[in-house]
Amino acid sequence: MNNLCLPDGISIVIPVFNSQDSLKALIERLLPVLEAAKLPFEVILVNDGSEDQSWVEIQELAKTYSWLRGINLMRNYGQHNALLCGLRTAIFSITITIDDDLQNPPEEIPRLLDKLAQGYDVIYGTPIKQQHGLWRNLASLLTRLALQSAMGLKNARNVSAYRVLRTQLRYAFTGYQSPFVILDALLAWGTISFGSIPVKQEARISGSSNYTFKKLLIHALNMVTGYTVVPLQLASLLGFGFAVFGLLVLFYVIGRFLVEGGSVPGFPFLASAIAIFSGVQLFALGIIGEYLARMHFRIMEKPAYVVRESTEDQAGKIVDRYTSSS
């Protein structure tokens, strides 16, 4: 396999946030799986502004394992931003993304690779059963529905943080530079060949999820307004619909005046109509404002991430090249 001169092998990209207690166990479970694959491999740990000793733990792991690299970001940019950083530094033809909390069992990697070998470009490991509460699962469902709109793909509902993909897909968004990063939407810029398999999801070995209901809702909003024009189309349809409704009301008022010789009585009717029209206008203005805000950030050229340091000089040079030229 020749992925645009990328050597055959596996790059594991792991975004890290406040996971000092799980990193060592994660690497210990990854190692036998990667060795069994009989391919060259590397592990890239991207520290996304952790507030604990995660970066110290990453540095220690990098000293122990020559195939492990650590990248330390200047602050917390978000999971997808950290994934983008790691994907841009991957050196092998296949990249696997996995969470840092061991909810994604590394032992499922061979099944993901087997599915990818069937000719797909991206394979998701979709959890058989979510290990979250009701509100978190509901927010996750809303996020997937938003992603389905952004990607225009039916299987977007199977999207998860557990992915295996062909690294060459990153060339579809080499010049992407925005603080609003949705990796799955970017992958859809390069391919429509997505697949998924059901995988187990285990309980976290420590800590709690950093994705709250509120954060997932904001994530869904960023996804829809950042990668589709569906909200603008919805605002247009609402505006058209209520314009028709207003004309019907006008015809009703005129008709009643001509037939009965009087107008429609009652302030509540007028107040309700005004409130409806005003609400739709404000809703449409809010949607337009969201798009204008994203245009504003793009004009400011606010970066998706900035690297503070790396455990390897060469890795730092690769990241800097993408950061400065994107």
C-alpha atoms as a PDB file:
ATOM      1  CA  MET A   1       0.000   0.000   0.000  1.00  0.00           C
ATOM      2  CA  ASN A   2       1.313   3.432  -0.940  1.00  0.00           C
ATOM      3  CA  ASN A   3      -0.391   6.280   0.889  1.00  0.00           C
ATOM      4  CA  LEU A   4       1.293   9.151  -0.960  1.00  0.00           C
ATOM      5  CA  CYS A   5       4.796   8.045   0.057  1.00  0.00           C
ATOM      6  CA  LEU A   6       3.759   7.309   3.651  1.00  0.00           C
ATOM      7  CA  PRO A   7       5.404   4.097   4.853  1.00  0.00           C
ATOM      8  CA  ASP A   8       3.212   1.152   5.817  1.00  0.00           C
ATOM      9  CA  GLY A   9       2.529   1.156   9.526  1.00  0.00           C
ATOM     10  CA  ILE A  10       0.176   2.318  12.259  1.00  0.00           C
ATOM     11  CA  SER A  11       0.094   5.685  14.005  1.00  0.00           C
ATOM     12  CA  ILE A  12      -1.980   5.853  17.199  1.00  0.00           C
ATOM     13  CA  VAL A  13      -3.145   9.393  18.033  1.00  0.00           C
ATOM     14  CA  ILE A  14      -4.438   9.910  21.573  1.00  0.00           C
ATOM     15  CA  PRO A  15      -5.736  13.289  22.824  1.00  0.00           C
ATOM     16  CA  VAL A  16      -4.906  13.627  26.506  1.00  0.00           C
ATOM     17  CA  PHE A  17      -6.706  15.730  29.094  1.00  0.00           C
ATOM     18  CA  ASN A  18      -6.281  15.153  32.836  1.00  0.00           C
ATOM     19  CA  SER A  19      -5.491  11.456  32.388  1.00  0.00           C
ATOM     20  CA  GLN A  20      -2.303  10.944  34.343  1.00  0.00           C
ATOM     21  CA  ASP A  21      -3.747   7.884  36.088  1.00  0.00           C
ATOM     22  CA  SER A  22      -4.782   5.993  32.940  1.00  0.00           C
ATOM     23  CA  LEU A  23      -1.972   6.672  30.458  1.00  0.00           C
ATOM     24  CA  LYS A  24       0.446   4.003  31.629  1.00  0.00           C
ATOM     25  CA  ALA A  25      -2.259   1.329  31.681  1.00  0.00           C
ATOM     26  CA  LEU A  26      -3.402   2.393  28.217  1.00  0.00           C
ATOM     27  CA  ILE A  27       0.086   2.089  26.731  1.00  0.00           C
ATOM     28  CA  GLU A  28       0.624  -1.284  28.400  1.00  0.00           C
ATOM     29  CA  ARG A  29      -2.560  -2.610  26.788  1.00  0.00           C
ATOM     30  CA  LEU A  30      -1.748  -1.061  23.404  1.00  0.00           C
ATOM     31  CA  LEU A  31       1.736  -2.559  23.145  1.00  0.00           C
ATOM     32  CA  PRO A  32       0.851  -6.262  22.701  1.00  0.00           C
ATOM     33  CA  VAL A  33      -1.915  -5.386  20.233  1.00  0.00           C
ATOM     34  CA  LEU A  34       0.433  -3.304  18.077  1.00  0.00           C
ATOM     35  CA  GLU A  35       3.222  -5.880  18.224  1.00  0.00           C
ATOM     36  CA  ALA A  36       0.785  -8.576  17.078  1.00  0.00           C
ATOM     37  CA  ALA A  37      -0.120  -6.489  14.003  1.00  0.00           C
ATOM     38  CA  LYS A  38       3.394  -7.161  12.593  1.00  0.00           C
ATOM     39  CA  LEU A  39       3.674  -3.587  11.291  1.00  0.00           C
ATOM     40  CA  PRO A  40       5.833  -0.600  12.293  1.00  0.00           C
ATOM     41  CA  PHE A  41       3.964   1.628  14.720  1.00  0.00           C
ATOM     42  CA  GLU A  42       4.099   4.815  16.753  1.00  0.00           C
ATOM     43  CA  VAL A  43       1.980   6.341  19.492  1.00  0.00           C
ATOM     44  CA  ILE A  44       1.392  10.110  19.598  1.00  0.00           C
ATOM     45  CA  LEU A  45       0.088  11.538  22.873  1.00  0.00           C
ATOM     46  CA  VAL A  46      -1.227  15.091  22.444  1.00  0.00           C
ATOM     47  CA  ASN A  47      -1.564  16.845  25.801  1.00  0.00           C
ATOM     48  CA  ASP A  48      -4.504  19.221  25.412  1.00  0.00           C
ATOM     49  CA  GLY A  49      -3.809  21.649  28.242  1.00  0.00           C
ATOM     50  CA  SER A  50      -4.165  19.149  31.087  1.00  0.00           C
ATOM     51  CA  GLU A  51      -4.389  20.593  34.589  1.00  0.00           C
ATOM     52  CA  ASP A  52      -2.828  17.566  36.273  1.00  0.00           C
ATOM     53  CA  GLN A  53       0.538  15.854  35.727  1.00  0.00           C
ATOM     54  CA  SER A  54      -0.387  14.290  32.388  1.00  0.00           C
ATOM     55  CA  TRP A  55       2.481  15.979  30.532  1.00  0.00           C
ATOM     56  CA  VAL A  56       4.996  14.759  33.099  1.00  0.00           C
ATOM     57  CA  GLU A  57       3.622  11.236  32.668  1.00  0.00           C
ATOM     58  CA  ILE A  58       3.871  11.559  28.880  1.00  0.00           C
ATOM     59  CA  GLN A  59       7.509  12.633  29.147  1.00  0.00           C
ATOM     60  CA  GLU A  60       8.291   9.613  31.328  1.00  0.00           C
ATOM     61  CA  LEU A  61       6.565   7.264  28.897  1.00  0.00           C
ATOM     62  CA  ALA A  62       8.513   8.787  25.993  1.00  0.00           C
ATOM     63  CA  LYS A  63      11.751   7.999  27.807  1.00  0.00           C
ATOM     64  CA  THR A  64      10.642   4.398  28.286  1.00  0.00           C
ATOM     65  CA  TYR A  65       9.311   3.721  24.787  1.00  0.00           C
ATOM     66  CA  SER A  66      11.238   4.939  21.745  1.00  0.00           C
ATOM     67  CA  TRP A  67       8.143   4.628  19.542  1.00  0.00           C
ATOM     68  CA  LEU A  68       6.113   7.025  21.695  1.00  0.00           C
ATOM     69  CA  ARG A  69       6.017  10.770  21.063  1.00  0.00           C
ATOM     70  CA  GLY A  70       4.422  13.492  23.148  1.00  0.00           C
ATOM     71  CA  ILE A  71       3.150  16.880  21.990  1.00  0.00           C
ATOM     72  CA  ASN A  72       2.240  19.533  24.550  1.00  0.00           C
ATOM     73  CA  LEU A  73      -0.249  22.199  23.431  1.00  0.00           C
ATOM     74  CA  MET A  74      -0.201  25.714  24.838  1.00  0.00           C
ATOM     75  CA  ARG A  75      -3.699  25.407  26.340  1.00  0.00           C
ATOM     76  CA  ASN A  76      -6.873  23.371  26.094  1.00  0.00           C
ATOM     77  CA  TYR A  77      -8.120  23.639  22.512  1.00  0.00           C
ATOM     78  CA  GLY A  78     -10.540  20.712  22.468  1.00  0.00           C
ATOM     79  CA  GLN A  79     -10.403  17.037  21.617  1.00  0.00           C
ATOM     80  CA  HIS A  80     -10.797  17.445  17.871  1.00  0.00           C
ATOM     81  CA  ASN A  81      -8.150  20.161  17.700  1.00  0.00           C
ATOM     82  CA  ALA A  82      -5.728  17.866  19.495  1.00  0.00           C
ATOM     83  CA  LEU A  83      -6.617  15.041  17.121  1.00  0.00           C
ATOM     84  CA  LEU A  84      -5.955  17.300  14.137  1.00  0.00           C
ATOM     85  CA  CYS A  85      -2.544  18.143  15.565  1.00  0.00           C
ATOM     86  CA  GLY A  86      -1.688  14.481  16.041  1.00  0.00           C
ATOM     87  CA  LEU A  87      -2.992  13.440  12.634  1.00  0.00           C
ATOM     88  CA  ARG A  88      -0.834  16.059  10.945  1.00  0.00           C
ATOM     89  CA  THR A  89       2.288  14.628  12.558  1.00  0.00           C
ATOM     90  CA  ALA A  90       1.532  10.937  11.921  1.00  0.00           C
ATOM     91  CA  ILE A  91       4.221   9.256   9.816  1.00  0.00           C
ATOM     92  CA  PHE A  92       2.527   5.974   8.877  1.00  0.00           C
ATOM     93  CA  SER A  93      -0.129   5.106   6.307  1.00  0.00           C
ATOM     94  CA  ILE A  94      -2.839   4.179   8.832  1.00  0.00           C
ATOM     95  CA  THR A  95      -3.909   6.328  11.771  1.00  0.00           C
ATOM     96  CA  ILE A  96      -5.993   5.143  14.715  1.00  0.00           C
ATOM     97  CA  THR A  97      -7.603   7.583  17.142  1.00  0.00           C
ATOM     98  CA  ILE A  98      -8.520   6.363  20.599  1.00  0.00           C
ATOM     99  CA  ASP A  99      -9.574   8.007  23.854  1.00  0.00           C
ATOM    100  CA  ASP A 100      -7.226   8.282  26.821  1.00  0.00           C
ATOM    101  CA  ASP A 101      -9.598   6.803  29.410  1.00  0.00           C
ATOM    102  CA  LEU A 102      -9.541   3.121  28.308  1.00  0.00           C
ATOM    103  CA  GLN A 103     -13.239   3.148  27.458  1.00  0.00           C
ATOM    104  CA  ASN A 104     -12.132   2.125  23.948  1.00  0.00           C
ATOM    105  CA  PRO A 105     -10.571  -1.343  24.389  1.00  0.00           C
ATOM    106  CA  PRO A 106      -7.288  -1.522  22.423  1.00  0.00           C
ATOM    107  CA  GLU A 107      -7.989  -5.223  21.827  1.00  0.00           C
ATOM    108  CA  GLU A 108     -10.636  -4.192  19.248  1.00  0.00           C
ATOM    109  CA  ILE A 109      -7.992  -2.649  16.951  1.00  0.00           C
ATOM    110  CA  PRO A 110      -7.416  -5.828  14.850  1.00  0.00           C
ATOM    111  CA  ARG A 111     -11.135  -5.934  13.994  1.00  0.00           C
ATOM    112  CA  LEU A 112     -11.046  -2.281  12.922  1.00  0.00           C
ATOM    113  CA  LEU A 113      -8.001  -2.926  10.740  1.00  0.00           C
ATOM    114  CA  ASP A 114      -9.636  -5.958   9.139  1.00  0.00           C
ATOM    115  CA  LYS A 115     -12.686  -3.877   8.239  1.00  0.00           C
ATOM    116  CA  LEU A 116     -10.499  -1.093   6.813  1.00  0.00           C
ATOM    117  CA  ALA A 117      -8.743  -3.657   4.601  1.00  0.00           C
ATOM    118  CA  GLN A 118     -12.064  -4.314   2.846  1.00  0.00           C
ATOM    119  CA  GLY A 119     -11.577  -1.078   0.915  1.00  0.00           C
ATOM    120  CA  TYR A 120     -12.889   1.589   3.266  1.00  0.00           C
ATOM    121  CA  ASP A 121     -11.119   4.845   4.080  1.00  0.00           C
ATOM    122  CA  VAL A 122     -12.545   5.350   7.585  1.00  0.00           C
ATOM    123  CA  ILE A 123     -13.894   2.787  10.041  1.00  0.00           C
ATOM    124  CA  TYR A 124     -15.596   3.717  13.316  1.00  0.00           C
ATOM    125  CA  GLY A 125     -15.798   1.507  16.367  1.00  0.00           C
ATOM    126  CA  THR A 126     -19.372   2.179  17.457  1.00  0.00           C
ATOM    127  CA  PRO A 127     -20.068   1.297  21.122  1.00  0.00           C
ATOM    128  CA  ILE A 128     -22.515  -1.564  21.564  1.00  0.00           C
ATOM    129  CA  LYS A 129     -23.744   0.088  24.744  1.00  0.00           C
ATOM    130  CA  GLN A 130     -22.952   3.582  25.911  1.00  0.00           C
ATOM    131  CA  GLN A 131     -21.408   3.851  29.386  1.00  0.00           C
ATOM    132  CA  HIS A 132     -22.983   7.233  30.110  1.00  0.00           C
ATOM    133  CA  GLY A 133     -26.055   8.682  31.749  1.00  0.00           C
ATOM    134  CA  LEU A 134     -29.351   9.534  30.055  1.00  0.00           C
ATOM    135  CA  TRP A 135     -28.581  13.206  29.390  1.00  0.00           C
ATOM    136  CA  ARG A 136     -25.076  12.476  28.106  1.00  0.00           C
ATOM    137  CA  ASN A 137     -26.422   9.796  25.747  1.00  0.00           C
ATOM    138  CA  LEU A 138     -29.141  12.175  24.558  1.00  0.00           C
ATOM    139  CA  ALA A 139     -26.572  14.896  23.861  1.00  0.00           C
ATOM    140  CA  SER A 140     -24.409  12.359  22.009  1.00  0.00           C
ATOM    141  CA  LEU A 141     -27.388  11.414  19.843  1.00  0.00           C
ATOM    142  CA  LEU A 142     -28.048  15.073  19.013  1.00  0.00           C
ATOM    143  CA  THR A 143     -24.386  15.499  18.111  1.00  0.00           C
ATOM    144  CA  ARG A 144     -24.533  12.518  15.762  1.00  0.00           C
ATOM    145  CA  LEU A 145     -27.665  13.881  14.099  1.00  0.00           C
ATOM    146  CA  ALA A 146     -25.900  17.213  13.610  1.00  0.00           C
ATOM    147  CA  LEU A 147     -22.907  15.383  12.177  1.00  0.00           C
ATOM    148  CA  GLN A 148     -25.174  13.510   9.793  1.00  0.00           C
ATOM    149  CA  SER A 149     -26.312  16.882   8.491  1.00  0.00           C
ATOM    150  CA  ALA A 150     -22.718  18.139   8.247  1.00  0.00           C
ATOM    151  CA  MET A 151     -21.345  15.012   6.534  1.00  0.00           C
ATOM    152  CA  GLY A 152     -24.378  14.223   4.431  1.00  0.00           C
ATOM    153  CA  LEU A 153     -23.896  10.514   5.190  1.00  0.00           C
ATOM    154  CA  LYS A 154     -26.393   8.027   6.592  1.00  0.00           C
ATOM    155  CA  ASN A 155     -23.827   6.238   8.738  1.00  0.00           C
ATOM    156  CA  ALA A 156     -22.848   9.443  10.550  1.00  0.00           C
ATOM    157  CA  ARG A 157     -24.893   8.120  13.477  1.00  0.00           C
ATOM    158  CA  ASN A 158     -22.201   5.459  13.935  1.00  0.00           C
ATOM    159  CA  VAL A 159     -19.443   8.031  14.398  1.00  0.00           C
ATOM    160  CA  SER A 160     -17.312   7.657  17.514  1.00  0.00           C
ATOM    161  CA  ALA A 161     -13.936   8.750  18.858  1.00  0.00           C
ATOM    162  CA  TYR A 162     -12.603   5.259  18.100  1.00  0.00           C
ATOM    163  CA  ARG A 163     -11.526   5.469  14.451  1.00  0.00           C
ATOM    164  CA  VAL A 164      -9.117   3.886  12.034  1.00  0.00           C
ATOM    165  CA  LEU A 165      -8.429   5.861   8.864  1.00  0.00           C
ATOM    166  CA  ARG A 166      -6.033   6.210   5.985  1.00  0.00           C
ATOM    167  CA  THR A 167      -3.591   8.970   6.919  1.00  0.00           C
ATOM    168  CA  GLN A 168      -3.585  10.399   3.394  1.00  0.00           C
ATOM    169  CA  LEU A 169      -7.039  11.849   4.087  1.00  0.00           C
ATOM    170  CA  ARG A 170      -5.296  14.694   5.919  1.00  0.00           C
ATOM    171  CA  TYR A 171      -4.277  16.134   2.545  1.00  0.00           C
ATOM    172  CA  ALA A 172      -7.934  17.040   1.965  1.00  0.00           C
ATOM    173  CA  PHE A 173      -7.670  19.693   4.692  1.00  0.00           C
ATOM    174  CA  THR A 174      -3.979  20.601   4.747  1.00  0.00           C
ATOM    175  CA  GLY A 175      -4.764  24.315   4.672  1.00  0.00           C
ATOM    176  CA  TYR A 176      -7.582  24.210   7.210  1.00  0.00           C
ATOM    177  CA  GLN A 177      -7.028  26.824   9.898  1.00  0.00           C
ATOM    178  CA  SER A 178      -9.914  27.562  12.219  1.00  0.00           C
ATOM    179  CA  PRO A 179     -10.523  27.201  15.965  1.00  0.00           C
ATOM    180  CA  PHE A 180     -13.684  25.200  15.214  1.00  0.00           C
ATOM    181  CA  VAL A 181     -12.480  21.705  14.363  1.00  0.00           C
ATOM    182  CA  ILE A 182     -14.775  18.739  13.749  1.00  0.00           C
ATOM    183  CA  LEU A 183     -12.460  15.991  12.541  1.00  0.00           C
ATOM    184  CA  ASP A 184     -15.221  13.777  11.165  1.00  0.00           C
ATOM    185  CA  ALA A 185     -16.581  16.593   8.993  1.00  0.00           C
ATOM    186  CA  LEU A 186     -13.048  17.254   7.703  1.00  0.00           C
ATOM    187  CA  LEU A 187     -12.630  13.571   6.863  1.00  0.00           C
ATOM    188  CA  ALA A 188     -15.842  13.784   4.832  1.00  0.00           C
ATOM    189  CA  TRP A 189     -14.116  16.421   2.675  1.00  0.00           C
ATOM    190  CA  GLY A 190     -11.745  13.716   1.462  1.00  0.00           C
ATOM    191  CA  THR A 191     -13.915  10.592   1.192  1.00  0.00           C
ATOM    192  CA  ILE A 192     -17.397   9.105   1.336  1.00  0.00           C
ATOM    193  CA  SER A 193     -16.084   5.602   2.067  1.00  0.00           C
ATOM    194  CA  PHE A 194     -17.071   5.251   5.726  1.00  0.00           C
ATOM    195  CA  GLY A 195     -17.837   2.068   7.614  1.00  0.00           C
ATOM    196  CA  SER A 196     -18.374   0.944  11.187  1.00  0.00           C
ATOM    197  CA  ILE A 197     -18.349  -2.112  13.414  1.00  0.00           C
ATOM    198  CA  PRO A 198     -19.830  -2.608  16.897  1.00  0.00           C
ATOM    199  CA  VAL A 199     -17.245  -2.640  19.679  1.00  0.00           C
ATOM    200  CA  LYS A 200     -17.323  -2.960  23.432  1.00  0.00           C
ATOM    201  CA  GLN A 201     -17.100   0.122  25.584  1.00  0.00           C
ATOM    202  CA  GLU A 202     -15.633  -0.273  29.037  1.00  0.00           C
ATOM    203  CA  ALA A 203     -16.030   1.893  32.104  1.00  0.00           C
ATOM    204  CA  ARG A 204     -13.434   4.559  32.807  1.00  0.00           C
ATOM    205  CA  ILE A 205     -10.702   3.354  35.153  1.00  0.00           C
ATOM    206  CA  SER A 206     -10.496   6.786  36.806  1.00  0.00           C
ATOM    207  CA  GLY A 207     -12.038  10.237  36.738  1.00  0.00           C
ATOM    208  CA  SER A 208     -15.173  11.326  34.901  1.00  0.00           C
ATOM    209  CA  SER A 209     -15.989  12.355  31.363  1.00  0.00           C
ATOM    210  CA  ASN A 210     -14.992  15.869  30.323  1.00  0.00           C
ATOM    211  CA  TYR A 211     -17.907  16.041  27.889  1.00  0.00           C
ATOM    212  CA  THR A 212     -20.967  17.429  29.661  1.00  0.00           C
ATOM    213  CA  PHE A 213     -24.432  17.831  28.191  1.00  0.00           C
ATOM    214  CA  LYS A 214     -23.757  21.539  27.660  1.00  0.00           C
ATOM    215  CA  LYS A 215     -20.423  20.947  25.936  1.00  0.00           C
ATOM    216  CA  LEU A 216     -21.938  18.383  23.590  1.00  0.00           C
ATOM    217  CA  LEU A 217     -24.744  20.767  22.661  1.00  0.00           C
ATOM    218  CA  ILE A 218     -22.194  23.495  21.889  1.00  0.00           C
ATOM    219  CA  HIS A 219     -20.229  20.905  19.915  1.00  0.00           C
ATOM    220  CA  ALA A 220     -23.338  20.092  17.867  1.00  0.00           C
ATOM    221  CA  LEU A 221     -24.015  23.804  17.266  1.00  0.00           C
ATOM    222  CA  ASN A 222     -20.438  24.360  16.083  1.00  0.00           C
ATOM    223  CA  MET A 223     -20.742  21.349  13.819  1.00  0.00           C
ATOM    224  CA  VAL A 224     -23.933  22.472  12.116  1.00  0.00           C
ATOM    225  CA  THR A 225     -23.065  26.155  11.735  1.00  0.00           C
ATOM    226  CA  GLY A 226     -19.415  25.508  10.888  1.00  0.00           C
ATOM    227  CA  TYR A 227     -19.819  22.885   8.170  1.00  0.00           C
ATOM    228  CA  THR A 228     -23.319  23.208   6.687  1.00  0.00           C
ATOM    229  CA  VAL A 229     -25.806  25.853   5.574  1.00  0.00           C
ATOM    230  CA  VAL A 230     -28.800  23.919   6.921  1.00  0.00           C
ATOM    231  CA  PRO A 231     -29.580  26.511   9.655  1.00  0.00           C
ATOM    232  CA  LEU A 232     -29.622  29.289   7.050  1.00  0.00           C
ATOM    233  CA  GLN A 233     -31.933  27.224   4.865  1.00  0.00           C
ATOM    234  CA  LEU A 234     -34.146  26.571   7.889  1.00  0.00           C
ATOM    235  CA  ALA A 235     -34.283  30.298   8.638  1.00  0.00           C
ATOM    236  CA  SER A 236     -35.251  30.976   5.008  1.00  0.00           C
ATOM    237  CA  LEU A 237     -38.008  28.361   5.139  1.00  0.00           C
ATOM    238  CA  LEU A 238     -39.338  29.744   8.420  1.00  0.00           C
ATOM    239  CA  GLY A 239     -39.290  33.259   7.008  1.00  0.00           C
ATOM    240  CA  PHE A 240     -41.137  32.133   3.885  1.00  0.00           C
ATOM    241  CA  GLY A 241     -43.643  30.106   5.902  1.00  0.00           C
ATOM    242  CA  PHE A 242     -44.518  32.937   8.247  1.00  0.00           C
ATOM    243  CA  ALA A 243     -44.676  35.396   5.348  1.00  0.00           C
ATOM    244  CA  VAL A 244     -47.349  33.167   3.816  1.00  0.00           C
ATOM    245  CA  PHE A 245     -49.052  32.963   7.218  1.00  0.00           C
ATOM    246  CA  GLY A 246     -49.027  36.764   7.413  1.00  0.00           C
ATOM    247  CA  LEU A 247     -50.631  37.052   3.980  1.00  0.00           C
ATOM    248  CA  LEU A 248     -53.328  34.578   4.981  1.00  0.00           C
ATOM    249  CA  VAL A 249     -54.050  36.629   8.100  1.00  0.00           C
ATOM    250  CA  LEU A 250     -54.227  39.756   5.939  1.00  0.00           C
ATOM    251  CA  PHE A 251     -56.675  38.104   3.547  1.00  0.00           C
ATOM    252  CA  TYR A 252     -58.748  36.946   6.510  1.00  0.00           C
ATOM    253  CA  VAL A 253     -58.909  40.452   7.976  1.00  0.00           C
ATOM    254  CA  ILE A 254     -59.804  42.020   4.624  1.00  0.00           C
ATOM    255  CA  GLY A 255     -62.372  39.308   3.883  1.00  0.00           C
ATOM    256  CA  ARG A 256     -64.043  39.711   7.248  1.00  0.00           C
ATOM    257  CA  PHE A 257     -64.138  43.480   6.767  1.00  0.00           C
ATOM    258  CA  LEU A 258     -65.785  43.130   3.361  1.00  0.00           C
ATOM    259  CA  VAL A 259     -68.288  40.511   4.527  1.00  0.00           C
ATOM    260  CA  GLU A 260     -69.184  41.730   8.018  1.00  0.00           C
ATOM    261  CA  GLY A 261     -68.121  45.344   7.795  1.00  0.00           C
ATOM    262  CA  GLY A 262     -65.808  45.134  10.808  1.00  0.00           C
ATOM    263  CA  SER A 263     -62.236  44.278  11.705  1.00  0.00           C
ATOM    264  CA  VAL A 264     -60.943  41.348  13.742  1.00  0.00           C
ATOM    265  CA  PRO A 265     -61.420  42.368  17.405  1.00  0.00           C
ATOM    266  CA  GLY A 266     -59.015  41.777  20.197  1.00  0.00           C
ATOM    267  CA  PHE A 267     -55.518  42.864  21.145  1.00  0.00           C
ATOM    268  CA  PRO A 268     -54.358  39.289  21.942  1.00  0.00           C
ATOM    269  CA  PHE A 269     -54.636  38.298  18.281  1.00  0.00           C
ATOM    270  CA  LEU A 270     -52.445  41.178  17.150  1.00  0.00           C
ATOM    271  CA  ALA A 271     -49.986  40.714  20.002  1.00  0.00           C
ATOM    272  CA  SER A 272     -49.626  37.001  19.220  1.00  0.00           C
ATOM    273  CA  ALA A 273     -49.022  37.669  15.519  1.00  0.00           C
ATOM    274  CA  ILE A 274     -46.419  40.330  16.312  1.00  0.00           C
ATOM    275  CA  ALA A 275     -44.690  38.057  18.829  1.00  0.00           C
ATOM    276  CA  ILE A 276     -44.513  35.209  16.285  1.00  0.00           C
ATOM    277  CA  PHE A 277     -43.054  37.379  13.547  1.00  0.00           C
ATOM    278  CA  SER A 278     -40.590  39.035  15.915  1.00  0.00           C
ATOM    279  CA  GLY A 279     -39.439  35.687  17.267  1.00  0.00           C
ATOM    280  CA  VAL A 280     -38.793  34.309  13.782  1.00  0.00           C
ATOM    281  CA  GLN A 281     -36.846  37.427  12.842  1.00  0.00           C
ATOM    282  CA  LEU A 282     -34.685  37.196  15.951  1.00  0.00           C
ATOM    283  CA  PHE A 283     -34.152  33.471  15.361  1.00  0.00           C
ATOM    284  CA  ALA A 284     -33.002  34.131  11.795  1.00  0.00           C
ATOM    285  CA  LEU A 285     -30.748  36.968  12.940  1.00  0.00           C
ATOM    286  CA  GLY A 286     -29.234  34.683  15.589  1.00  0.00           C
ATOM    287  CA  ILE A 287     -28.379  32.059  12.987  1.00  0.00           C
ATOM    288  CA  ILE A 288     -26.830  34.648  10.697  1.00  0.00           C
ATOM    289  CA  GLY A 289     -24.881  35.961  13.684  1.00  0.00           C
ATOM    290  CA  GLU A 290     -23.419  32.490  14.315  1.00  0.00           C
ATOM    291  CA  TYR A 291     -22.140  32.342  10.745  1.00  0.00           C
ATOM    292  CA  LEU A 292     -20.778  35.882  10.929  1.00  0.00           C
ATOM    293  CA  ALA A 293     -18.929  34.977  14.153  1.00  0.00           C
ATOM    294  CA  ARG A 294     -17.237  32.057  12.414  1.00  0.00           C
ATOM    295  CA  MET A 295     -16.297  34.292   9.473  1.00  0.00           C
ATOM    296  CA  HIS A 296     -14.895  36.763  11.985  1.00  0.00           C
ATOM    297  CA  PHE A 297     -12.689  34.105  13.596  1.00  0.00           C
ATOM    298  CA  ARG A 298     -11.523  32.892  10.181  1.00  0.00           C
ATOM    299  CA  ILE A 299     -10.546  36.445   9.206  1.00  0.00           C
ATOM    300  CA  MET A 300      -8.646  36.766  12.487  1.00  0.00           C
ATOM    301  CA  GLU A 301      -6.780  33.557  11.514  1.00  0.00           C
ATOM    302  CA  LYS A 302      -7.123  32.210  15.018  1.00  0.00           C
ATOM    303  CA  PRO A 303      -5.176  28.925  15.021  1.00  0.00           C
ATOM    304  CA  ALA A 304      -6.673  25.517  15.660  1.00  0.00           C
ATOM    305  CA  TYR A 305      -3.821  24.818  18.095  1.00  0.00           C
ATOM    306  CA  VAL A 306      -0.355  26.006  19.090  1.00  0.00           C
ATOM    307  CA  VAL A 307       2.383  23.650  20.224  1.00  0.00           C
ATOM    308  CA  ARG A 308       4.376  24.537  23.315  1.00  0.00           C
ATOM    309  CA  GLU A 309       6.902  21.681  23.171  1.00  0.00           C
ATOM    310  CA  SER A 310       7.443  18.129  22.056  1.00  0.00           C
ATOM    311  CA  THR A 311       9.297  15.143  23.422  1.00  0.00           C
ATOM    312  CA  GLU A 312      11.139  14.953  20.123  1.00  0.00           C
ATOM    313  CA  ASP A 313      12.663  17.842  18.204  1.00  0.00           C
ATOM    314  CA  GLN A 314      11.735  16.454  14.824  1.00  0.00           C
ATOM    315  CA  ALA A 315       8.116  16.037  15.881  1.00  0.00           C
ATOM    316  CA  GLY A 316       8.072  19.658  16.968  1.00  0.00           C
ATOM    317  CA  LYS A 317       9.371  20.777  13.564  1.00  0.00           C
ATOM    318  CA  ILE A 318       6.632  18.856  11.778  1.00  0.00           C
ATOM    319  CA  VAL A 319       3.920  20.394  13.922  1.00  0.00           C
ATOM    320  CA  ASP A 320       5.365  23.889  13.593  1.00  0.00           C
ATOM    321  CA  ARG A 321       5.369  23.557   9.799  1.00  0.00           C
ATOM    322  CA  TYR A 322       1.648  22.837   9.736  1.00  0.00           C
ATOM    323  CA  THR A 323       0.821  25.428  12.351  1.00  0.00           C
ATOM    324  CA  SER A 324       2.589  28.260  10.598  1.00  0.00           C
ATOM    325  CA  SER A 325       1.593  27.444   7.017  1.00  0.00           C
ATOM    326  CA  SER A 326      -2.066  26.506   7.506  1.00  0.00           C
END
